[in-house]
PDB file of all heavy atoms in Angstrom:
ATOM      1  N   SER A   1     -16.206  -0.503  -4.022  1.00  0.00           N
ATOM      2  CA  SER A   1     -16.928   0.526  -3.226  1.00  0.00           C
ATOM      3  C   SER A   1     -18.390   0.474  -3.454  1.00  0.00           C
ATOM      4  O   SER A   1     -19.185   0.660  -2.505  1.00  0.00           O
ATOM      5  CB  SER A   1     -16.426   1.976  -3.598  1.00  0.00           C
ATOM      6  OG  SER A   1     -15.077   2.113  -3.213  1.00  0.00           O
ATOM      7  N   SER A   2     -18.818   0.152  -4.680  1.00  0.00           N
ATOM      8  CA  SER A   2     -20.236   0.119  -5.012  1.00  0.00           C
ATOM      9  C   SER A   2     -20.925  -1.022  -4.331  1.00  0.00           C
ATOM     10  O   SER A   2     -22.162  -1.058  -4.159  1.00  0.00           O
ATOM     11  CB  SER A   2     -20.467  -0.062  -6.557  1.00  0.00           C
ATOM     12  OG  SER A   2     -20.025  -1.326  -7.026  1.00  0.00           O
ATOM     13  N   HIS A   3     -20.176  -2.060  -3.855  1.00  0.00           N
ATOM     14  CA  HIS A   3     -20.695  -3.176  -3.164  1.00  0.00           C
ATOM     15  C   HIS A   3     -20.334  -3.109  -1.706  1.00  0.00           C
ATOM     16  O   HIS A   3     -20.414  -4.160  -0.934  1.00  0.00           O
ATOM     17  CB  HIS A   3     -20.219  -4.537  -3.767  1.00  0.00           C
ATOM     18  CG  HIS A   3     -20.872  -4.774  -5.110  1.00  0.00           C
ATOM     19  ND1 HIS A   3     -22.180  -5.171  -5.235  1.00  0.00           N
ATOM     20  CD2 HIS A   3     -20.266  -4.720  -6.316  1.00  0.00           C
ATOM     21  CE1 HIS A   3     -22.468  -5.362  -6.538  1.00  0.00           C
ATOM     22  NE2 HIS A   3     -21.410  -5.057  -7.262  1.00  0.00           N
ATOM     23  N   ASP A   4     -19.880  -1.961  -1.253  1.00  0.00           N
ATOM     24  CA  ASP A   4     -19.624  -1.684   0.228  1.00  0.00           C
ATOM     25  C   ASP A   4     -18.579  -2.583   0.728  1.00  0.00           C
ATOM     26  O   ASP A   4     -18.588  -3.021   1.934  1.00  0.00           O
ATOM     27  CB  ASP A   4     -20.925  -1.840   1.060  1.00  0.00           C
ATOM     28  CG  ASP A   4     -21.963  -0.862   0.643  1.00  0.00           C
ATOM     29  OD1 ASP A   4     -21.610   0.349   0.336  1.00  0.00           O
ATOM     30  OD2 ASP A   4     -23.162  -1.215   0.665  1.00  0.00           O
ATOM     31  N   VAL A   5     -17.560  -2.931  -0.017  1.00  0.00           N
ATOM     32  CA  VAL A   5     -16.377  -3.684   0.384  1.00  0.00           C
ATOM     33  C   VAL A   5     -15.403  -2.682   0.993  1.00  0.00           C
ATOM     34  O   VAL A   5     -14.673  -2.022   0.301  1.00  0.00           O
ATOM     35  CB  VAL A   5     -15.699  -4.450  -0.751  1.00  0.00           C
ATOM     36  CG1 VAL A   5     -14.562  -5.232  -0.230  1.00  0.00           C
ATOM     37  CG2 VAL A   5     -16.740  -5.430  -1.389  1.00  0.00           C
ATOM     38  N   ASP A   6     -15.497  -2.494   2.366  1.00  0.00           N
ATOM     39  CA  ASP A   6     -14.713  -1.429   2.971  1.00  0.00           C
ATOM     40  C   ASP A   6     -13.407  -1.954   3.640  1.00  0.00           C
ATOM     41  O   ASP A   6     -12.766  -1.154   4.361  1.00  0.00           O
ATOM     42  CB  ASP A   6     -15.567  -0.626   3.940  1.00  0.00           C
ATOM     43  CG  ASP A   6     -16.229  -1.506   4.956  1.00  0.00           C
ATOM     44  OD1 ASP A   6     -15.884  -2.731   5.038  1.00  0.00           O
ATOM     45  OD2 ASP A   6     -17.097  -0.992   5.770  1.00  0.00           O
ATOM     46  N   ASN A   7     -13.149  -3.240   3.560  1.00  0.00           N
ATOM     47  CA  ASN A   7     -11.926  -3.742   4.155  1.00  0.00           C
ATOM     48  C   ASN A   7     -10.923  -4.208   3.122  1.00  0.00           C
ATOM     49  O   ASN A   7     -10.214  -5.213   3.269  1.00  0.00           O
ATOM     50  CB  ASN A   7     -12.268  -4.900   5.159  1.00  0.00           C
ATOM     51  CG  ASN A   7     -12.907  -6.064   4.480  1.00  0.00           C
ATOM     52  OD1 ASN A   7     -13.606  -5.946   3.495  1.00  0.00           O
ATOM     53  ND2 ASN A   7     -12.604  -7.262   4.949  1.00  0.00           N
ATOM     54  N   ALA A   8     -10.869  -3.401   1.975  1.00  0.00           N
ATOM     55  CA  ALA A   8      -9.978  -3.717   0.909  1.00  0.00           C
ATOM     56  C   ALA A   8      -9.566  -2.427   0.263  1.00  0.00           C
ATOM     57  O   ALA A   8     -10.340  -1.468   0.209  1.00  0.00           O
ATOM     58  CB  ALA A   8     -10.564  -4.653  -0.107  1.00  0.00           C
ATOM     59  N   ALA A   9      -8.343  -2.374  -0.272  1.00  0.00           N
ATOM     60  CA  ALA A   9      -7.864  -1.230  -1.027  1.00  0.00           C
ATOM     61  C   ALA A   9      -7.106  -1.677  -2.245  1.00  0.00           C
ATOM     62  O   ALA A   9      -6.365  -2.727  -2.119  1.00  0.00           O
ATOM     63  CB  ALA A   9      -6.949  -0.367  -0.127  1.00  0.00           C
ATOM     64  N   VAL A  10      -7.229  -1.037  -3.346  1.00  0.00           N
ATOM     65  CA  VAL A  10      -6.517  -1.406  -4.569  1.00  0.00           C
ATOM     66  C   VAL A  10      -5.407  -0.331  -4.822  1.00  0.00           C
ATOM     67  O   VAL A  10      -5.718   0.852  -4.769  1.00  0.00           O
ATOM     68  CB  VAL A  10      -7.472  -1.385  -5.785  1.00  0.00           C
ATOM     69  CG1 VAL A  10      -6.732  -1.864  -7.015  1.00  0.00           C
ATOM     70  CG2 VAL A  10      -8.678  -2.223  -5.486  1.00  0.00           C
ATOM     71  N   VAL A  11      -4.237  -0.866  -4.918  1.00  0.00           N
ATOM     72  CA  VAL A  11      -3.064   0.091  -5.109  1.00  0.00           C
ATOM     73  C   VAL A  11      -2.405  -0.209  -6.443  1.00  0.00           C
ATOM     74  O   VAL A  11      -2.523  -1.279  -6.972  1.00  0.00           O
ATOM     75  CB  VAL A  11      -2.032  -0.105  -3.973  1.00  0.00           C
ATOM     76  CG1 VAL A  11      -2.593   0.251  -2.638  1.00  0.00           C
ATOM     77  CG2 VAL A  11      -1.397  -1.511  -3.944  1.00  0.00           C
ATOM     78  N   GLN A  12      -1.825   0.755  -7.040  1.00  0.00           N
ATOM     79  CA  GLN A  12      -1.239   0.674  -8.297  1.00  0.00           C
ATOM     80  C   GLN A  12       0.273   0.412  -8.154  1.00  0.00           C
ATOM     81  O   GLN A  12       0.957   0.986  -7.367  1.00  0.00           O
ATOM     82  CB  GLN A  12      -1.355   1.970  -9.172  1.00  0.00           C
ATOM     83  CG  GLN A  12      -0.779   1.878 -10.530  1.00  0.00           C
ATOM     84  CD  GLN A  12      -1.005   3.127 -11.357  1.00  0.00           C
ATOM     85  OE1 GLN A  12      -1.383   4.189 -10.826  1.00  0.00           O
ATOM     86  NE2 GLN A  12      -0.642   3.126 -12.643  1.00  0.00           N
ATOM     87  N   GLY A  13       0.751  -0.623  -8.889  1.00  0.00           N
ATOM     88  CA  GLY A  13       2.152  -1.012  -8.849  1.00  0.00           C
ATOM     89  C   GLY A  13       2.431  -2.227  -9.651  1.00  0.00           C
ATOM     90  O   GLY A  13       1.528  -2.902 -10.158  1.00  0.00           O
ATOM     91  N   SER A  14       3.697  -2.529  -9.749  1.00  0.00           N
ATOM     92  CA  SER A  14       4.055  -3.734 -10.443  1.00  0.00           C
ATOM     93  C   SER A  14       3.665  -5.010  -9.653  1.00  0.00           C
ATOM     94  O   SER A  14       3.902  -5.046  -8.434  1.00  0.00           O
ATOM     95  CB  SER A  14       5.617  -3.760 -10.620  1.00  0.00           C
ATOM     96  OG  SER A  14       6.122  -4.980 -11.017  1.00  0.00           O
ATOM     97  N   LEU A  15       3.069  -5.923 -10.364  1.00  0.00           N
ATOM     98  CA  LEU A  15       2.682  -7.172  -9.710  1.00  0.00           C
ATOM     99  C   LEU A  15       3.835  -7.884  -9.192  1.00  0.00           C
ATOM    100  O   LEU A  15       3.751  -8.593  -8.147  1.00  0.00           O
ATOM    101  CB  LEU A  15       1.817  -8.043 -10.712  1.00  0.00           C
ATOM    102  CG  LEU A  15       0.583  -7.427 -11.270  1.00  0.00           C
ATOM    103  CD1 LEU A  15      -0.220  -8.468 -12.059  1.00  0.00           C
ATOM    104  CD2 LEU A  15      -0.295  -6.822 -10.200  1.00  0.00           C
ATOM    105  N   THR A  16       4.953  -7.836  -9.922  1.00  0.00           N
ATOM    106  CA  THR A  16       6.152  -8.622  -9.475  1.00  0.00           C
ATOM    107  C   THR A  16       6.801  -7.973  -8.244  1.00  0.00           C
ATOM    108  O   THR A  16       7.623  -8.558  -7.584  1.00  0.00           O
ATOM    109  CB  THR A  16       7.193  -8.702 -10.588  1.00  0.00           C
ATOM    110  OG1 THR A  16       7.563  -7.413 -11.128  1.00  0.00           O
ATOM    111  CG2 THR A  16       6.612  -9.547 -11.731  1.00  0.00           C
ATOM    112  N   ALA A  17       6.506  -6.677  -7.973  1.00  0.00           N
ATOM    113  CA  ALA A  17       7.023  -6.042  -6.756  1.00  0.00           C
ATOM    114  C   ALA A  17       6.070  -6.075  -5.582  1.00  0.00           C
ATOM    115  O   ALA A  17       6.569  -5.855  -4.464  1.00  0.00           O
ATOM    116  CB  ALA A  17       7.367  -4.549  -7.182  1.00  0.00           C
ATOM    117  N   GLY A  18       4.823  -6.257  -5.817  1.00  0.00           N
ATOM    118  CA  GLY A  18       3.911  -6.322  -4.768  1.00  0.00           C
ATOM    119  C   GLY A  18       3.605  -4.990  -4.129  1.00  0.00           C
ATOM    120  O   GLY A  18       3.657  -3.983  -4.765  1.00  0.00           O
ATOM    121  N   ALA A  19       3.228  -5.020  -2.810  1.00  0.00           N
ATOM    122  CA  ALA A  19       2.972  -3.754  -2.128  1.00  0.00           C
ATOM    123  C   ALA A  19       3.695  -3.821  -0.756  1.00  0.00           C
ATOM    124  O   ALA A  19       3.016  -4.076   0.345  1.00  0.00           O
ATOM    125  CB  ALA A  19       1.489  -3.611  -1.972  1.00  0.00           C
ATOM    126  N   PRO A  20       5.016  -3.652  -0.744  1.00  0.00           N
ATOM    127  CA  PRO A  20       5.773  -3.841   0.517  1.00  0.00           C
ATOM    128  C   PRO A  20       5.446  -2.898   1.615  1.00  0.00           C
ATOM    129  O   PRO A  20       5.467  -3.227   2.797  1.00  0.00           O
ATOM    130  CB  PRO A  20       7.273  -3.679   0.019  1.00  0.00           C
ATOM    131  CG  PRO A  20       7.122  -2.920  -1.244  1.00  0.00           C
ATOM    132  CD  PRO A  20       5.879  -3.378  -1.874  1.00  0.00           C
ATOM    133  N   LYS A  21       4.979  -1.690   1.236  1.00  0.00           N
ATOM    134  CA  LYS A  21       4.633  -0.697   2.327  1.00  0.00           C
ATOM    135  C   LYS A  21       3.527  -1.122   3.201  1.00  0.00           C
ATOM    136  O   LYS A  21       3.446  -0.766   4.326  1.00  0.00           O
ATOM    137  CB  LYS A  21       4.348   0.689   1.661  1.00  0.00           C
ATOM    138  CG  LYS A  21       5.556   1.348   1.056  1.00  0.00           C
ATOM    139  CD  LYS A  21       5.178   2.713   0.456  1.00  0.00           C
ATOM    140  CE  LYS A  21       6.405   3.384  -0.118  1.00  0.00           C
ATOM    141  NZ  LYS A  21       5.987   4.710  -0.725  1.00  0.00           N
ATOM    142  N   GLN A  22       2.527  -1.911   2.554  1.00  0.00           N
ATOM    143  CA  GLN A  22       1.447  -2.370   3.340  1.00  0.00           C
ATOM    144  C   GLN A  22       1.571  -3.708   4.028  1.00  0.00           C
ATOM    145  O   GLN A  22       0.761  -4.115   4.799  1.00  0.00           O
ATOM    146  CB  GLN A  22       0.168  -2.421   2.474  1.00  0.00           C
ATOM    147  CG  GLN A  22      -0.337  -1.047   1.952  1.00  0.00           C
ATOM    148  CD  GLN A  22       0.405  -0.494   0.840  1.00  0.00           C
ATOM    149  OE1 GLN A  22       1.284  -1.137   0.255  1.00  0.00           O
ATOM    150  NE2 GLN A  22       0.136   0.736   0.478  1.00  0.00           N
ATOM    151  N   GLY A  23       2.720  -4.351   3.769  1.00  0.00           N
ATOM    152  CA  GLY A  23       2.982  -5.679   4.305  1.00  0.00           C
ATOM    153  C   GLY A  23       3.675  -5.649   5.652  1.00  0.00           C
ATOM    154  O   GLY A  23       3.778  -4.562   6.272  1.00  0.00           O
ATOM    155  N   PRO A  24       4.083  -6.805   6.159  1.00  0.00           N
ATOM    156  CA  PRO A  24       4.069  -8.140   5.518  1.00  0.00           C
ATOM    157  C   PRO A  24       2.568  -8.702   5.598  1.00  0.00           C
ATOM    158  O   PRO A  24       1.767  -8.193   6.319  1.00  0.00           O
ATOM    159  CB  PRO A  24       4.933  -8.951   6.250  1.00  0.00           C
ATOM    160  CG  PRO A  24       4.983  -8.290   7.732  1.00  0.00           C
ATOM    161  CD  PRO A  24       4.768  -6.804   7.502  1.00  0.00           C
ATOM    162  N   TYR A  25       2.394  -9.825   4.956  1.00  0.00           N
ATOM    163  CA  TYR A  25       1.105 -10.422   4.736  1.00  0.00           C
ATOM    164  C   TYR A  25       1.058 -11.872   5.244  1.00  0.00           C
ATOM    165  O   TYR A  25       2.082 -12.564   5.253  1.00  0.00           O
ATOM    166  CB  TYR A  25       0.679 -10.435   3.257  1.00  0.00           C
ATOM    167  CG  TYR A  25       0.751  -9.089   2.638  1.00  0.00           C
ATOM    168  CD1 TYR A  25       1.875  -8.591   1.992  1.00  0.00           C
ATOM    169  CD2 TYR A  25      -0.348  -8.221   2.727  1.00  0.00           C
ATOM    170  CE1 TYR A  25       1.885  -7.335   1.423  1.00  0.00           C
ATOM    171  CE2 TYR A  25      -0.320  -6.933   2.208  1.00  0.00           C
ATOM    172  CZ  TYR A  25       0.811  -6.475   1.543  1.00  0.00           C
ATOM    173  OH  TYR A  25       0.814  -5.184   0.993  1.00  0.00           O
ATOM    174  N   ASP A  26      -0.069 -12.177   5.778  1.00  0.00           N
ATOM    175  CA  ASP A  26      -0.375 -13.601   6.226  1.00  0.00           C
ATOM    176  C   ASP A  26      -0.512 -14.484   5.016  1.00  0.00           C
ATOM    177  O   ASP A  26      -0.098 -15.671   5.072  1.00  0.00           O
ATOM    178  CB  ASP A  26      -1.601 -13.665   7.083  1.00  0.00           C
ATOM    179  CG  ASP A  26      -1.530 -12.833   8.354  1.00  0.00           C
ATOM    180  OD1 ASP A  26      -0.734 -13.187   9.273  1.00  0.00           O
ATOM    181  OD2 ASP A  26      -2.127 -11.742   8.413  1.00  0.00           O
ATOM    182  N   VAL A  27      -1.111 -13.984   3.971  1.00  0.00           N
ATOM    183  CA  VAL A  27      -1.452 -14.767   2.776  1.00  0.00           C
ATOM    184  C   VAL A  27      -1.172 -13.883   1.563  1.00  0.00           C
ATOM    185  O   VAL A  27      -1.492 -12.692   1.540  1.00  0.00           O
ATOM    186  CB  VAL A  27      -2.961 -15.229   2.789  1.00  0.00           C
ATOM    187  CG1 VAL A  27      -3.256 -15.985   1.483  1.00  0.00           C
ATOM    188  CG2 VAL A  27      -3.262 -16.054   4.022  1.00  0.00           C
ATOM    189  N   ILE A  28      -0.633 -14.498   0.483  1.00  0.00           N
ATOM    190  CA  ILE A  28      -0.458 -13.807  -0.819  1.00  0.00           C
ATOM    191  C   ILE A  28      -1.091 -14.787  -1.827  1.00  0.00           C
ATOM    192  O   ILE A  28      -0.835 -16.017  -1.849  1.00  0.00           O
ATOM    193  CB  ILE A  28       0.968 -13.533  -1.148  1.00  0.00           C
ATOM    194  CG1 ILE A  28       1.567 -12.572  -0.105  1.00  0.00           C
ATOM    195  CG2 ILE A  28       1.173 -12.996  -2.551  1.00  0.00           C
ATOM    196  CD1 ILE A  28       3.072 -12.263  -0.274  1.00  0.00           C
ATOM    197  N   VAL A  29      -1.855 -14.203  -2.734  1.00  0.00           N
ATOM    198  CA  VAL A  29      -2.411 -15.000  -3.863  1.00  0.00           C
ATOM    199  C   VAL A  29      -2.127 -14.260  -5.192  1.00  0.00           C
ATOM    200  O   VAL A  29      -2.086 -13.061  -5.250  1.00  0.00           O
ATOM    201  CB  VAL A  29      -3.948 -15.187  -3.706  1.00  0.00           C
ATOM    202  CG1 VAL A  29      -4.263 -16.037  -2.452  1.00  0.00           C
ATOM    203  CG2 VAL A  29      -4.669 -13.848  -3.637  1.00  0.00           C
ATOM    204  N   LEU A  30      -1.974 -15.065  -6.237  1.00  0.00           N
ATOM    205  CA  LEU A  30      -1.716 -14.585  -7.629  1.00  0.00           C
ATOM    206  C   LEU A  30      -2.836 -14.967  -8.473  1.00  0.00           C
ATOM    207  O   LEU A  30      -3.174 -16.180  -8.544  1.00  0.00           O
ATOM    208  CB  LEU A  30      -0.393 -15.101  -8.129  1.00  0.00           C
ATOM    209  CG  LEU A  30      -0.029 -14.735  -9.614  1.00  0.00           C
ATOM    210  CD1 LEU A  30       0.144 -13.189  -9.721  1.00  0.00           C
ATOM    211  CD2 LEU A  30       1.156 -15.463 -10.128  1.00  0.00           C
ATOM    212  N   GLN A  31      -3.457 -13.986  -9.166  1.00  0.00           N
ATOM    213  CA  GLN A  31      -4.612 -14.329  -9.968  1.00  0.00           C
ATOM    214  C   GLN A  31      -4.220 -14.636 -11.387  1.00  0.00           C
ATOM    215  O   GLN A  31      -4.323 -13.813 -12.320  1.00  0.00           O
ATOM    216  CB  GLN A  31      -5.618 -13.069  -9.943  1.00  0.00           C
ATOM    217  CG  GLN A  31      -6.116 -12.754  -8.573  1.00  0.00           C
ATOM    218  CD  GLN A  31      -6.875 -13.938  -7.921  1.00  0.00           C
ATOM    219  OE1 GLN A  31      -7.505 -14.787  -8.527  1.00  0.00           O
ATOM    220  NE2 GLN A  31      -6.793 -13.952  -6.627  1.00  0.00           N
ATOM    221  N   GLY A  32      -3.710 -15.858 -11.548  1.00  0.00           N
ATOM    222  CA  GLY A  32      -3.162 -16.298 -12.893  1.00  0.00           C
ATOM    223  C   GLY A  32      -1.976 -17.215 -12.627  1.00  0.00           C
ATOM    224  O   GLY A  32      -1.701 -17.583 -11.495  1.00  0.00           O
ATOM    225  N   ALA A  33      -1.414 -17.602 -13.627  1.00  0.00           N
ATOM    226  CA  ALA A  33      -0.254 -18.646 -13.500  1.00  0.00           C
ATOM    227  C   ALA A  33       1.054 -17.847 -13.488  1.00  0.00           C
ATOM    228  O   ALA A  33       1.211 -16.748 -13.870  1.00  0.00           O
ATOM    229  CB  ALA A  33      -0.345 -19.601 -14.648  1.00  0.00           C
ATOM    230  N   ALA A  34       2.145 -18.661 -13.070  1.00  0.00           N
ATOM    231  CA  ALA A  34       3.462 -18.140 -12.994  1.00  0.00           C
ATOM    232  C   ALA A  34       4.401 -19.288 -13.339  1.00  0.00           C
ATOM    233  O   ALA A  34       4.087 -20.419 -13.135  1.00  0.00           O
ATOM    234  CB  ALA A  34       3.769 -17.629 -11.601  1.00  0.00           C
ATOM    235  N   GLU A  35       5.532 -18.881 -13.901  1.00  0.00           N
ATOM    236  CA  GLU A  35       6.607 -19.857 -14.116  1.00  0.00           C
ATOM    237  C   GLU A  35       7.683 -19.760 -13.070  1.00  0.00           C
ATOM    238  O   GLU A  35       8.410 -20.677 -12.830  1.00  0.00           O
ATOM    239  CB  GLU A  35       7.218 -19.660 -15.545  1.00  0.00           C
ATOM    240  CG  GLU A  35       6.245 -19.949 -16.696  1.00  0.00           C
ATOM    241  CD  GLU A  35       6.834 -19.750 -18.062  1.00  0.00           C
ATOM    242  OE1 GLU A  35       7.768 -18.933 -18.141  1.00  0.00           O
ATOM    243  OE2 GLU A  35       6.326 -20.322 -19.014  1.00  0.00           O
ATOM    244  N   HIS A  36       7.743 -18.569 -12.407  1.00  0.00           N
ATOM    245  CA  HIS A  36       8.520 -18.408 -11.255  1.00  0.00           C
ATOM    246  C   HIS A  36       7.997 -17.327 -10.415  1.00  0.00           C
ATOM    247  O   HIS A  36       7.095 -16.524 -10.826  1.00  0.00           O
ATOM    248  CB  HIS A  36      10.026 -18.040 -11.678  1.00  0.00           C
ATOM    249  CG  HIS A  36      10.168 -16.532 -11.966  1.00  0.00           C
ATOM    250  ND1 HIS A  36      10.937 -15.794 -11.093  1.00  0.00           N
ATOM    251  CD2 HIS A  36       9.619 -15.689 -12.875  1.00  0.00           C
ATOM    252  CE1 HIS A  36      10.863 -14.464 -11.560  1.00  0.00           C
ATOM    253  NE2 HIS A  36      10.096 -14.483 -12.586  1.00  0.00           N
TER     254      HIS A  36
END
């Protein structure tokens, strides 16, 4: 918000569950590594 990024929202939830209510998504990215 302090940098006027108004086309993004941060939601609280499990990273492994995602945010299904706001989906589906064209692209999904994970900020870190995964084994599965």
